[in-house]
């Protein structure tokens, strides 16, 4: 695969805003026991004998939704969607025991073997991009391609930005995020939230989860999206996202911080597309650009009028475009 140059903002403006594929229902839904008391929910849809693709949701802890099936042509792909440990329909819900990045990589391998898949396309956004790269660097022989959106490298600097730096652009949202924490604890917001989110008392963890999830949602789109904020703040939805994110940020940042960049040589033969919103405040574009510079074989697309969310029109179009582009890899399965 030649080393394509990053597409410019002007070039992106000329691309059509391709819609998602129509809604589709799974032909299989099940759970897989992966050890440590965890069972992960998974589903398959699309073409039973199609080229496998696995969708990795963000967060960690966000869970998958029916919308995520629609990035892939169901006439071509065997679409595998699953909820990572503690997320969505996996059990135990919001569970953080034995929940770490390496465990999620092992779960992916267990699921791949369980489904009888030799190689698959790997698609992930935000934390899903982190997991996709970690999986691919651990098992490059299992990856047909990578589609990565909203790059996050699991570093201390990125977490510090999330907790504080985003407030420079969304000061009202940040003020609401900080408000539930007493002044004496605001010097360590992560610690303060982690204590509350892991407290067994719903009177403590439910409002903390709503505040955390609302803050993230308010910063995720280019234009205000009150419906997304309200959805994220819903008590059941918000707990897994907030608790698992705080758990990972407090306990499982990568050491060394450049771990994913350090091991990029393992990905050199895998076709890849990186999609990044120009105005992504949750995962700022400098990280995606740094990744593209270190990995020139990957195609970096900067969407000029988008924030972080996968549902931003330009992001959505670029992701569908990437999955359509990789249809040609079917012959190598």
C-alpha atoms as a PDB file:
ATOM      1  CA  UNK A   1       0.000   0.000   0.000  1.00  0.00           C
ATOM      2  CA  UNK A   2       1.584   3.366  -0.982  1.00  0.00           C
ATOM      3  CA  UNK A   3       2.054   5.983   1.693  1.00  0.00           C
ATOM      4  CA  UNK A   4      -0.781   8.466   1.070  1.00  0.00           C
ATOM      5  CA  UNK A   5      -0.414  12.049   2.237  1.00  0.00           C
ATOM      6  CA  UNK A   6      -2.781  13.467   4.834  1.00  0.00           C
ATOM      7  CA  UNK A   7      -5.813  14.982   3.152  1.00  0.00           C
ATOM      8  CA  UNK A   8      -6.172  18.723   3.533  1.00  0.00           C
ATOM      9  CA  UNK A   9      -9.198  20.486   4.950  1.00  0.00           C
ATOM     10  CA  UNK A  10     -10.009  21.774   1.470  1.00  0.00           C
ATOM     11  CA  UNK A  11      -9.899  18.281   0.024  1.00  0.00           C
ATOM     12  CA  UNK A  12     -12.191  16.982   2.746  1.00  0.00           C
ATOM     13  CA  UNK A  13     -14.727  19.706   1.935  1.00  0.00           C
ATOM     14  CA  UNK A  14     -15.167  18.212  -1.539  1.00  0.00           C
ATOM     15  CA  UNK A  15     -16.106  14.749  -0.263  1.00  0.00           C
ATOM     16  CA  UNK A  16     -19.744  13.777  -0.184  1.00  0.00           C
ATOM     17  CA  UNK A  17     -21.492  13.338   3.175  1.00  0.00           C
ATOM     18  CA  UNK A  18     -22.235   9.649   2.680  1.00  0.00           C
ATOM     19  CA  UNK A  19     -25.037   8.426   4.949  1.00  0.00           C
ATOM     20  CA  UNK A  20     -24.807   5.402   7.161  1.00  0.00           C
ATOM     21  CA  UNK A  21     -26.126   2.089   5.906  1.00  0.00           C
ATOM     22  CA  UNK A  22     -29.772   1.298   6.778  1.00  0.00           C
ATOM     23  CA  UNK A  23     -30.648  -0.096  10.220  1.00  0.00           C
ATOM     24  CA  UNK A  24     -30.056  -3.813  10.537  1.00  0.00           C
ATOM     25  CA  UNK A  25     -30.861  -6.432  13.154  1.00  0.00           C
ATOM     26  CA  UNK A  26     -28.407  -9.077  14.389  1.00  0.00           C
ATOM     27  CA  UNK A  27     -28.806 -12.681  13.311  1.00  0.00           C
ATOM     28  CA  UNK A  28     -26.984 -13.764  16.459  1.00  0.00           C
ATOM     29  CA  UNK A  29     -26.781 -12.329  19.994  1.00  0.00           C
ATOM     30  CA  UNK A  30     -24.954 -14.124  22.788  1.00  0.00           C
ATOM     31  CA  UNK A  31     -22.537 -13.800  25.692  1.00  0.00           C
ATOM     32  CA  UNK A  32     -19.072 -15.294  26.045  1.00  0.00           C
ATOM     33  CA  UNK A  33     -17.483 -16.089  29.408  1.00  0.00           C
ATOM     34  CA  UNK A  34     -13.965 -14.646  29.306  1.00  0.00           C
ATOM     35  CA  UNK A  35     -12.830 -15.346  32.857  1.00  0.00           C
ATOM     36  CA  UNK A  36     -12.504 -13.281  36.036  1.00  0.00           C
ATOM     37  CA  UNK A  37     -16.292 -13.462  36.408  1.00  0.00           C
ATOM     38  CA  UNK A  38     -16.870 -11.446  33.218  1.00  0.00           C
ATOM     39  CA  UNK A  39     -19.212 -12.309  30.368  1.00  0.00           C
ATOM     40  CA  UNK A  40     -19.072 -10.132  27.262  1.00  0.00           C
ATOM     41  CA  UNK A  41     -22.127  -9.526  25.104  1.00  0.00           C
ATOM     42  CA  UNK A  42     -21.579  -9.894  21.372  1.00  0.00           C
ATOM     43  CA  UNK A  43     -23.700  -9.858  18.246  1.00  0.00           C
ATOM     44  CA  UNK A  44     -23.290 -10.612  14.568  1.00  0.00           C
ATOM     45  CA  UNK A  45     -25.149  -9.064  11.676  1.00  0.00           C
ATOM     46  CA  UNK A  46     -24.752  -8.519   7.963  1.00  0.00           C
ATOM     47  CA  UNK A  47     -23.547 -11.318   5.718  1.00  0.00           C
ATOM     48  CA  UNK A  48     -22.954 -14.627   7.467  1.00  0.00           C
ATOM     49  CA  UNK A  49     -20.200 -15.579   5.029  1.00  0.00           C
ATOM     50  CA  UNK A  50     -18.930 -12.011   4.673  1.00  0.00           C
ATOM     51  CA  UNK A  51     -15.535 -10.542   5.445  1.00  0.00           C
ATOM     52  CA  UNK A  52     -15.289 -10.159   9.243  1.00  0.00           C
ATOM     53  CA  UNK A  53     -15.053  -6.728  10.837  1.00  0.00           C
ATOM     54  CA  UNK A  54     -15.070  -6.001  14.566  1.00  0.00           C
ATOM     55  CA  UNK A  55     -16.350  -2.734  16.048  1.00  0.00           C
ATOM     56  CA  UNK A  56     -14.633  -1.393  19.195  1.00  0.00           C
ATOM     57  CA  UNK A  57     -16.614   1.156  21.175  1.00  0.00           C
ATOM     58  CA  UNK A  58     -15.144   4.062  23.092  1.00  0.00           C
ATOM     59  CA  UNK A  59     -14.997   5.084  26.686  1.00  0.00           C
ATOM     60  CA  UNK A  60     -13.709   2.741  27.950  1.00  0.00           C
ATOM     61  CA  UNK A  61     -17.131   1.748  29.210  1.00  0.00           C
ATOM     62  CA  UNK A  62     -19.374   3.458  26.664  1.00  0.00           C
ATOM     63  CA  UNK A  63     -20.853   0.281  25.206  1.00  0.00           C
ATOM     64  CA  UNK A  64     -22.069  -0.329  21.664  1.00  0.00           C
ATOM     65  CA  UNK A  65     -25.380   0.685  20.103  1.00  0.00           C
ATOM     66  CA  UNK A  66     -27.445  -0.348  17.061  1.00  0.00           C
ATOM     67  CA  UNK A  67     -26.098   2.729  15.248  1.00  0.00           C
ATOM     68  CA  UNK A  68     -22.624   1.228  15.243  1.00  0.00           C
ATOM     69  CA  UNK A  69     -23.683  -1.608  12.940  1.00  0.00           C
ATOM     70  CA  UNK A  70     -24.381   0.940  10.241  1.00  0.00           C
ATOM     71  CA  UNK A  71     -20.810   1.919   9.355  1.00  0.00           C
ATOM     72  CA  UNK A  72     -20.480  -1.315   7.366  1.00  0.00           C
ATOM     73  CA  UNK A  73     -22.099  -2.609   4.173  1.00  0.00           C
ATOM     74  CA  UNK A  74     -24.183  -5.575   5.375  1.00  0.00           C
ATOM     75  CA  UNK A  75     -24.028  -7.132   1.922  1.00  0.00           C
ATOM     76  CA  UNK A  76     -20.261  -7.435   2.241  1.00  0.00           C
ATOM     77  CA  UNK A  77     -19.246  -7.595   5.892  1.00  0.00           C
ATOM     78  CA  UNK A  78     -19.803 -10.069   8.696  1.00  0.00           C
ATOM     79  CA  UNK A  79     -20.211  -7.406  11.369  1.00  0.00           C
ATOM     80  CA  UNK A  80     -19.136  -8.277  14.918  1.00  0.00           C
ATOM     81  CA  UNK A  81     -20.099  -5.825  17.659  1.00  0.00           C
ATOM     82  CA  UNK A  82     -19.394  -6.459  21.332  1.00  0.00           C
ATOM     83  CA  UNK A  83     -19.539  -4.692  24.666  1.00  0.00           C
ATOM     84  CA  UNK A  84     -16.212  -4.636  26.471  1.00  0.00           C
ATOM     85  CA  UNK A  85     -15.887  -5.778  30.085  1.00  0.00           C
ATOM     86  CA  UNK A  86     -18.362  -3.995  32.320  1.00  0.00           C
ATOM     87  CA  UNK A  87     -19.940  -2.026  29.467  1.00  0.00           C
ATOM     88  CA  UNK A  88     -23.362  -2.134  27.853  1.00  0.00           C
ATOM     89  CA  UNK A  89     -24.918  -5.593  28.036  1.00  0.00           C
ATOM     90  CA  UNK A  90     -21.812  -7.320  29.386  1.00  0.00           C
ATOM     91  CA  UNK A  91     -21.803  -8.528  32.969  1.00  0.00           C
ATOM     92  CA  UNK A  92     -21.122  -7.620  35.693  1.00  0.00           C
ATOM     93  CA  UNK A  93     -22.401  -4.204  34.673  1.00  0.00           C
ATOM     94  CA  UNK A  94     -19.899  -1.407  35.357  1.00  0.00           C
ATOM     95  CA  UNK A  95     -17.526  -4.034  36.753  1.00  0.00           C
ATOM     96  CA  UNK A  96     -13.946  -2.863  37.202  1.00  0.00           C
ATOM     97  CA  UNK A  97     -12.393  -5.926  38.848  1.00  0.00           C
ATOM     98  CA  UNK A  98      -9.891  -7.556  36.459  1.00  0.00           C
ATOM     99  CA  UNK A  99     -10.751  -4.872  33.896  1.00  0.00           C
ATOM    100  CA  UNK A 100      -7.681  -3.472  32.151  1.00  0.00           C
ATOM    101  CA  UNK A 101      -6.382  -2.960  28.597  1.00  0.00           C
ATOM    102  CA  UNK A 102      -4.555  -6.289  28.376  1.00  0.00           C
ATOM    103  CA  UNK A 103      -7.672  -8.156  29.528  1.00  0.00           C
ATOM    104  CA  UNK A 104      -9.671  -6.513  26.736  1.00  0.00           C
ATOM    105  CA  UNK A 105      -7.092  -7.637  24.172  1.00  0.00           C
ATOM    106  CA  UNK A 106      -7.390 -11.188  25.498  1.00  0.00           C
ATOM    107  CA  UNK A 107     -11.168 -10.924  25.269  1.00  0.00           C
ATOM    108  CA  UNK A 108     -10.924  -9.940  21.607  1.00  0.00           C
ATOM    109  CA  UNK A 109      -8.792 -12.963  20.880  1.00  0.00           C
ATOM    110  CA  UNK A 110     -11.175 -15.217  22.800  1.00  0.00           C
ATOM    111  CA  UNK A 111     -14.102 -13.826  20.814  1.00  0.00           C
ATOM    112  CA  UNK A 112     -12.270 -14.198  17.492  1.00  0.00           C
ATOM    113  CA  UNK A 113     -11.494 -17.846  18.215  1.00  0.00           C
ATOM    114  CA  UNK A 114     -15.024 -18.479  19.488  1.00  0.00           C
ATOM    115  CA  UNK A 115     -16.454 -17.174  16.208  1.00  0.00           C
ATOM    116  CA  UNK A 116     -14.027 -19.173  14.082  1.00  0.00           C
ATOM    117  CA  UNK A 117     -12.545 -16.046  12.488  1.00  0.00           C
ATOM    118  CA  UNK A 118      -8.977 -16.156  11.177  1.00  0.00           C
ATOM    119  CA  UNK A 119      -8.491 -12.453  10.343  1.00  0.00           C
ATOM    120  CA  UNK A 120     -10.735  -9.423  10.621  1.00  0.00           C
ATOM    121  CA  UNK A 121     -10.911  -5.720   9.939  1.00  0.00           C
ATOM    122  CA  UNK A 122     -10.627  -3.711  13.165  1.00  0.00           C
ATOM    123  CA  UNK A 123     -12.596  -0.462  13.575  1.00  0.00           C
ATOM    124  CA  UNK A 124     -12.385   1.710  16.699  1.00  0.00           C
ATOM    125  CA  UNK A 125     -12.891   5.288  17.816  1.00  0.00           C
ATOM    126  CA  UNK A 126     -11.618   7.304  20.779  1.00  0.00           C
ATOM    127  CA  UNK A 127     -10.742   4.669  23.425  1.00  0.00           C
ATOM    128  CA  UNK A 128     -11.681   2.180  20.692  1.00  0.00           C
ATOM    129  CA  UNK A 129      -8.744   3.509  18.644  1.00  0.00           C
ATOM    130  CA  UNK A 130      -6.464   2.840  21.626  1.00  0.00           C
ATOM    131  CA  UNK A 131      -7.715  -0.720  21.973  1.00  0.00           C
ATOM    132  CA  UNK A 132      -7.528  -1.274  18.211  1.00  0.00           C
ATOM    133  CA  UNK A 133      -3.856  -0.261  18.117  1.00  0.00           C
ATOM    134  CA  UNK A 134      -3.016  -2.240  21.249  1.00  0.00           C
ATOM    135  CA  UNK A 135      -4.715  -5.330  19.800  1.00  0.00           C
ATOM    136  CA  UNK A 136      -3.074  -4.897  16.398  1.00  0.00           C
ATOM    137  CA  UNK A 137       0.375  -4.464  17.923  1.00  0.00           C
ATOM    138  CA  UNK A 138      -0.203  -7.636  19.947  1.00  0.00           C
ATOM    139  CA  UNK A 139      -1.747  -9.645  17.067  1.00  0.00           C
ATOM    140  CA  UNK A 140      -0.837  -8.005  13.741  1.00  0.00           C
ATOM    141  CA  UNK A 141      -1.328 -11.285  11.892  1.00  0.00           C
ATOM    142  CA  UNK A 142      -5.051 -11.157  12.749  1.00  0.00           C
ATOM    143  CA  UNK A 143      -5.733  -7.692  11.293  1.00  0.00           C
ATOM    144  CA  UNK A 144      -6.836  -7.080   7.707  1.00  0.00           C
ATOM    145  CA  UNK A 145      -7.030  -3.308   8.197  1.00  0.00           C
ATOM    146  CA  UNK A 146      -7.465  -0.620  10.836  1.00  0.00           C
ATOM    147  CA  UNK A 147      -9.955   2.254  10.831  1.00  0.00           C
ATOM    148  CA  UNK A 148      -9.197   4.608  13.728  1.00  0.00           C
ATOM    149  CA  UNK A 149     -11.141   7.698  14.787  1.00  0.00           C
ATOM    150  CA  UNK A 150     -10.422  10.388  17.404  1.00  0.00           C
ATOM    151  CA  UNK A 151      -6.989   9.154  18.441  1.00  0.00           C
ATOM    152  CA  UNK A 152      -6.279   8.587  22.137  1.00  0.00           C
ATOM    153  CA  UNK A 153      -2.928   7.154  23.281  1.00  0.00           C
ATOM    154  CA  UNK A 154      -3.788   6.637  26.969  1.00  0.00           C
ATOM    155  CA  UNK A 155      -1.203   9.094  28.315  1.00  0.00           C
ATOM    156  CA  UNK A 156      -1.183  11.194  31.488  1.00  0.00           C
ATOM    157  CA  UNK A 157      -1.150  14.385  29.405  1.00  0.00           C
ATOM    158  CA  UNK A 158      -4.341  13.361  27.596  1.00  0.00           C
ATOM    159  CA  UNK A 159      -6.115  12.540  30.859  1.00  0.00           C
ATOM    160  CA  UNK A 160      -5.019  15.842  32.393  1.00  0.00           C
ATOM    161  CA  UNK A 161      -6.387  17.598  29.313  1.00  0.00           C
ATOM    162  CA  UNK A 162      -9.704  15.776  29.663  1.00  0.00           C
ATOM    163  CA  UNK A 163     -10.039  16.749  33.311  1.00  0.00           C
ATOM    164  CA  UNK A 164      -8.979  20.364  32.920  1.00  0.00           C
ATOM    165  CA  UNK A 165      -7.879  21.516  29.488  1.00  0.00           C
ATOM    166  CA  UNK A 166     -11.250  20.910  27.824  1.00  0.00           C
ATOM    167  CA  UNK A 167     -12.637  23.545  30.156  1.00  0.00           C
ATOM    168  CA  UNK A 168     -10.758  26.234  28.243  1.00  0.00           C
ATOM    169  CA  UNK A 169     -13.123  25.627  25.347  1.00  0.00           C
ATOM    170  CA  UNK A 170     -16.189  24.561  27.332  1.00  0.00           C
ATOM    171  CA  UNK A 171     -15.964  26.575  30.563  1.00  0.00           C
ATOM    172  CA  UNK A 172     -19.661  26.250  31.402  1.00  0.00           C
ATOM    173  CA  UNK A 173     -19.532  22.458  31.044  1.00  0.00           C
ATOM    174  CA  UNK A 174     -16.355  22.310  33.099  1.00  0.00           C
ATOM    175  CA  UNK A 175     -17.886  24.423  35.852  1.00  0.00           C
ATOM    176  CA  UNK A 176     -20.797  21.967  36.051  1.00  0.00           C
ATOM    177  CA  UNK A 177     -18.275  19.107  36.131  1.00  0.00           C
ATOM    178  CA  UNK A 178     -16.334  20.624  39.026  1.00  0.00           C
ATOM    179  CA  UNK A 179     -19.363  21.851  40.984  1.00  0.00           C
ATOM    180  CA  UNK A 180     -20.229  18.537  42.767  1.00  0.00           C
ATOM    181  CA  UNK A 181     -16.676  18.253  44.168  1.00  0.00           C
ATOM    182  CA  UNK A 182     -15.885  20.167  47.393  1.00  0.00           C
ATOM    183  CA  UNK A 183     -13.273  22.893  46.983  1.00  0.00           C
ATOM    184  CA  UNK A 184     -10.802  21.012  49.184  1.00  0.00           C
ATOM    185  CA  UNK A 185     -10.765  18.068  46.739  1.00  0.00           C
ATOM    186  CA  UNK A 186     -10.586  19.953  43.451  1.00  0.00           C
ATOM    187  CA  UNK A 187      -6.820  19.730  43.281  1.00  0.00           C
ATOM    188  CA  UNK A 188      -7.262  16.049  42.364  1.00  0.00           C
ATOM    189  CA  UNK A 189     -10.437  15.792  40.321  1.00  0.00           C
ATOM    190  CA  UNK A 190      -9.649  12.278  39.121  1.00  0.00           C
ATOM    191  CA  UNK A 191      -9.170  10.999  42.656  1.00  0.00           C
ATOM    192  CA  UNK A 192     -12.310  12.768  43.863  1.00  0.00           C
ATOM    193  CA  UNK A 193     -14.424  11.323  41.061  1.00  0.00           C
ATOM    194  CA  UNK A 194     -12.854   7.880  41.301  1.00  0.00           C
ATOM    195  CA  UNK A 195     -13.790   7.645  44.986  1.00  0.00           C
ATOM    196  CA  UNK A 196     -17.378   8.646  44.275  1.00  0.00           C
ATOM    197  CA  UNK A 197     -17.810   6.498  41.177  1.00  0.00           C
ATOM    198  CA  UNK A 198     -16.579   3.379  42.974  1.00  0.00           C
ATOM    199  CA  UNK A 199     -18.652   4.061  46.084  1.00  0.00           C
ATOM    200  CA  UNK A 200     -21.320   1.328  46.411  1.00  0.00           C
ATOM    201  CA  UNK A 201     -23.983   3.818  47.506  1.00  0.00           C
ATOM    202  CA  UNK A 202     -26.143   4.944  44.536  1.00  0.00           C
ATOM    203  CA  UNK A 203     -26.729   8.242  46.303  1.00  0.00           C
ATOM    204  CA  UNK A 204     -22.989   8.876  45.829  1.00  0.00           C
ATOM    205  CA  UNK A 205     -22.117   7.252  42.496  1.00  0.00           C
ATOM    206  CA  UNK A 206     -25.229   8.110  40.457  1.00  0.00           C
ATOM    207  CA  UNK A 207     -24.868  11.930  40.578  1.00  0.00           C
ATOM    208  CA  UNK A 208     -21.106  11.643  40.071  1.00  0.00           C
ATOM    209  CA  UNK A 209     -21.637   9.482  36.988  1.00  0.00           C
ATOM    210  CA  UNK A 210     -24.187  11.893  35.544  1.00  0.00           C
ATOM    211  CA  UNK A 211     -21.851  14.861  36.020  1.00  0.00           C
ATOM    212  CA  UNK A 212     -18.866  13.075  34.440  1.00  0.00           C
ATOM    213  CA  UNK A 213     -20.817  11.731  31.461  1.00  0.00           C
ATOM    214  CA  UNK A 214     -22.596  15.039  30.835  1.00  0.00           C
ATOM    215  CA  UNK A 215     -19.275  16.878  30.778  1.00  0.00           C
ATOM    216  CA  UNK A 216     -17.815  14.481  28.213  1.00  0.00           C
ATOM    217  CA  UNK A 217     -20.902  14.628  25.991  1.00  0.00           C
ATOM    218  CA  UNK A 218     -21.094  18.429  26.115  1.00  0.00           C
ATOM    219  CA  UNK A 219     -17.519  18.632  24.783  1.00  0.00           C
ATOM    220  CA  UNK A 220     -17.887  15.967  22.072  1.00  0.00           C
ATOM    221  CA  UNK A 221     -19.681  17.796  19.259  1.00  0.00           C
ATOM    222  CA  UNK A 222     -18.885  20.840  17.191  1.00  0.00           C
ATOM    223  CA  UNK A 223     -22.346  22.306  17.815  1.00  0.00           C
ATOM    224  CA  UNK A 224     -24.367  21.888  21.019  1.00  0.00           C
ATOM    225  CA  UNK A 225     -26.308  18.623  21.147  1.00  0.00           C
ATOM    226  CA  UNK A 226     -28.575  18.609  24.222  1.00  0.00           C
ATOM    227  CA  UNK A 227     -30.030  15.212  23.302  1.00  0.00           C
ATOM    228  CA  UNK A 228     -26.590  13.585  23.411  1.00  0.00           C
ATOM    229  CA  UNK A 229     -25.838  15.211  26.761  1.00  0.00           C
ATOM    230  CA  UNK A 230     -29.158  14.046  28.209  1.00  0.00           C
ATOM    231  CA  UNK A 231     -28.627  10.516  26.888  1.00  0.00           C
ATOM    232  CA  UNK A 232     -25.135  10.291  28.388  1.00  0.00           C
ATOM    233  CA  UNK A 233     -26.387  11.541  31.740  1.00  0.00           C
ATOM    234  CA  UNK A 234     -29.086   8.855  32.031  1.00  0.00           C
ATOM    235  CA  UNK A 235     -28.338   6.939  35.220  1.00  0.00           C
ATOM    236  CA  UNK A 236     -27.777   3.459  33.753  1.00  0.00           C
ATOM    237  CA  UNK A 237     -25.920   4.704  30.675  1.00  0.00           C
ATOM    238  CA  UNK A 238     -23.598   6.998  32.567  1.00  0.00           C
ATOM    239  CA  UNK A 239     -22.398   4.678  35.328  1.00  0.00           C
ATOM    240  CA  UNK A 240     -20.380   2.193  33.254  1.00  0.00           C
ATOM    241  CA  UNK A 241     -18.861   4.953  31.123  1.00  0.00           C
ATOM    242  CA  UNK A 242     -17.835   7.132  34.045  1.00  0.00           C
ATOM    243  CA  UNK A 243     -16.745   4.413  36.470  1.00  0.00           C
ATOM    244  CA  UNK A 244     -14.683   2.459  33.943  1.00  0.00           C
ATOM    245  CA  UNK A 245     -13.091   5.587  32.481  1.00  0.00           C
ATOM    246  CA  UNK A 246     -12.087   6.821  35.935  1.00  0.00           C
ATOM    247  CA  UNK A 247     -10.789   3.334  36.797  1.00  0.00           C
ATOM    248  CA  UNK A 248      -8.651   3.153  33.656  1.00  0.00           C
ATOM    249  CA  UNK A 249      -7.396   6.724  34.005  1.00  0.00           C
ATOM    250  CA  UNK A 250      -6.442   6.188  37.644  1.00  0.00           C
ATOM    251  CA  UNK A 251      -4.890   2.734  37.294  1.00  0.00           C
ATOM    252  CA  UNK A 252      -4.059   1.768  33.729  1.00  0.00           C
ATOM    253  CA  UNK A 253      -2.290   4.561  31.862  1.00  0.00           C
ATOM    254  CA  UNK A 254       0.357   3.128  29.561  1.00  0.00           C
ATOM    255  CA  UNK A 255       3.931   2.844  30.729  1.00  0.00           C
ATOM    256  CA  UNK A 256       5.902   4.092  28.935  1.00  0.00           C
ATOM    257  CA  UNK A 257       3.477   6.744  27.720  1.00  0.00           C
ATOM    258  CA  UNK A 258       4.643   6.321  24.121  1.00  0.00           C
ATOM    259  CA  UNK A 259       3.970   2.590  24.192  1.00  0.00           C
ATOM    260  CA  UNK A 260       1.662   2.579  21.157  1.00  0.00           C
ATOM    261  CA  UNK A 261       3.992   4.811  19.127  1.00  0.00           C
ATOM    262  CA  UNK A 262       7.028   2.776  20.179  1.00  0.00           C
ATOM    263  CA  UNK A 263       5.531  -0.427  18.771  1.00  0.00           C
ATOM    264  CA  UNK A 264       4.203   0.996  15.486  1.00  0.00           C
ATOM    265  CA  UNK A 265       6.657  -1.099  13.480  1.00  0.00           C
ATOM    266  CA  UNK A 266       4.382  -4.058  14.155  1.00  0.00           C
ATOM    267  CA  UNK A 267       1.641  -2.345  12.131  1.00  0.00           C
ATOM    268  CA  UNK A 268       3.652  -1.403   9.059  1.00  0.00           C
ATOM    269  CA  UNK A 269       2.022  -3.937   6.760  1.00  0.00           C
ATOM    270  CA  UNK A 270      -1.562  -3.272   7.829  1.00  0.00           C
ATOM    271  CA  UNK A 271      -3.599  -0.825   5.690  1.00  0.00           C
ATOM    272  CA  UNK A 272      -4.945   1.920   7.940  1.00  0.00           C
ATOM    273  CA  UNK A 273      -7.067   5.057   7.906  1.00  0.00           C
ATOM    274  CA  UNK A 274      -7.040   7.660  10.687  1.00  0.00           C
ATOM    275  CA  UNK A 275     -10.070   9.978  10.870  1.00  0.00           C
ATOM    276  CA  UNK A 276      -9.827  13.050  13.078  1.00  0.00           C
ATOM    277  CA  UNK A 277     -12.092  16.031  13.672  1.00  0.00           C
ATOM    278  CA  UNK A 278     -10.346  19.382  13.310  1.00  0.00           C
ATOM    279  CA  UNK A 279     -12.224  20.706  16.356  1.00  0.00           C
ATOM    280  CA  UNK A 280     -12.062  17.558  18.466  1.00  0.00           C
ATOM    281  CA  UNK A 281     -11.617  18.925  21.981  1.00  0.00           C
ATOM    282  CA  UNK A 282     -11.906  15.562  23.770  1.00  0.00           C
ATOM    283  CA  UNK A 283      -9.002  14.043  21.792  1.00  0.00           C
ATOM    284  CA  UNK A 284      -7.264  17.042  20.171  1.00  0.00           C
ATOM    285  CA  UNK A 285      -5.944  16.594  16.623  1.00  0.00           C
ATOM    286  CA  UNK A 286      -2.296  17.058  17.552  1.00  0.00           C
ATOM    287  CA  UNK A 287      -2.251  13.440  18.752  1.00  0.00           C
ATOM    288  CA  UNK A 288      -3.638  12.114  15.462  1.00  0.00           C
ATOM    289  CA  UNK A 289      -1.178  14.237  13.510  1.00  0.00           C
ATOM    290  CA  UNK A 290       1.687  12.944  15.669  1.00  0.00           C
ATOM    291  CA  UNK A 291       0.519   9.392  14.984  1.00  0.00           C
ATOM    292  CA  UNK A 292       0.303  10.110  11.246  1.00  0.00           C
ATOM    293  CA  UNK A 293       3.836  11.515  11.231  1.00  0.00           C
ATOM    294  CA  UNK A 294       5.151   8.423  12.989  1.00  0.00           C
ATOM    295  CA  UNK A 295       3.129   6.122  10.712  1.00  0.00           C
ATOM    296  CA  UNK A 296       3.220   7.578   7.183  1.00  0.00           C
ATOM    297  CA  UNK A 297       1.750   4.408   5.663  1.00  0.00           C
ATOM    298  CA  UNK A 298      -1.570   5.254   7.308  1.00  0.00           C
ATOM    299  CA  UNK A 299      -3.924   7.692   5.579  1.00  0.00           C
ATOM    300  CA  UNK A 300      -4.724  10.602   7.866  1.00  0.00           C
ATOM    301  CA  UNK A 301      -7.983  12.440   7.158  1.00  0.00           C
ATOM    302  CA  UNK A 302      -8.667  15.668   9.034  1.00  0.00           C
ATOM    303  CA  UNK A 303     -12.374  16.497   8.889  1.00  0.00           C
ATOM    304  CA  UNK A 304     -12.566  20.320   8.844  1.00  0.00           C
ATOM    305  CA  UNK A 305     -15.965  20.865  10.439  1.00  0.00           C
ATOM    306  CA  UNK A 306     -16.225  18.219  13.143  1.00  0.00           C
ATOM    307  CA  UNK A 307     -15.614  17.620  16.812  1.00  0.00           C
ATOM    308  CA  UNK A 308     -15.079  14.284  18.526  1.00  0.00           C
ATOM    309  CA  UNK A 309     -18.286  12.336  18.038  1.00  0.00           C
ATOM    310  CA  UNK A 310     -18.461   9.551  15.462  1.00  0.00           C
ATOM    311  CA  UNK A 311     -21.895  10.900  14.527  1.00  0.00           C
ATOM    312  CA  UNK A 312     -20.598  14.257  13.316  1.00  0.00           C
ATOM    313  CA  UNK A 313     -21.614  14.307   9.620  1.00  0.00           C
ATOM    314  CA  UNK A 314     -18.094  14.648   8.242  1.00  0.00           C
ATOM    315  CA  UNK A 315     -16.661  12.028  10.602  1.00  0.00           C
ATOM    316  CA  UNK A 316     -19.450   9.621   9.742  1.00  0.00           C
ATOM    317  CA  UNK A 317     -18.848  10.102   6.012  1.00  0.00           C
ATOM    318  CA  UNK A 318     -15.106   9.532   6.323  1.00  0.00           C
ATOM    319  CA  UNK A 319     -15.616   6.356   8.344  1.00  0.00           C
ATOM    320  CA  UNK A 320     -18.095   4.881   5.855  1.00  0.00           C
ATOM    321  CA  UNK A 321     -15.725   5.848   3.065  1.00  0.00           C
ATOM    322  CA  UNK A 322     -12.935   3.922   4.806  1.00  0.00           C
ATOM    323  CA  UNK A 323     -14.994   0.759   5.292  1.00  0.00           C
ATOM    324  CA  UNK A 324     -16.016   0.904   1.636  1.00  0.00           C
ATOM    325  CA  UNK A 325     -12.419   1.356   0.587  1.00  0.00           C
ATOM    326  CA  UNK A 326     -11.322  -1.736   2.500  1.00  0.00           C
ATOM    327  CA  UNK A 327     -13.886  -3.953   0.769  1.00  0.00           C
ATOM    328  CA  UNK A 328     -11.178  -4.777  -1.756  1.00  0.00           C
ATOM    329  CA  UNK A 329      -9.177  -6.627   0.923  1.00  0.00           C
ATOM    330  CA  UNK A 330     -11.774  -9.420   0.878  1.00  0.00           C
ATOM    331  CA  UNK A 331      -9.628 -11.561  -1.403  1.00  0.00           C
ATOM    332  CA  UNK A 332      -6.913 -11.821   1.244  1.00  0.00           C
ATOM    333  CA  UNK A 333      -9.153 -13.448   3.886  1.00  0.00           C
END
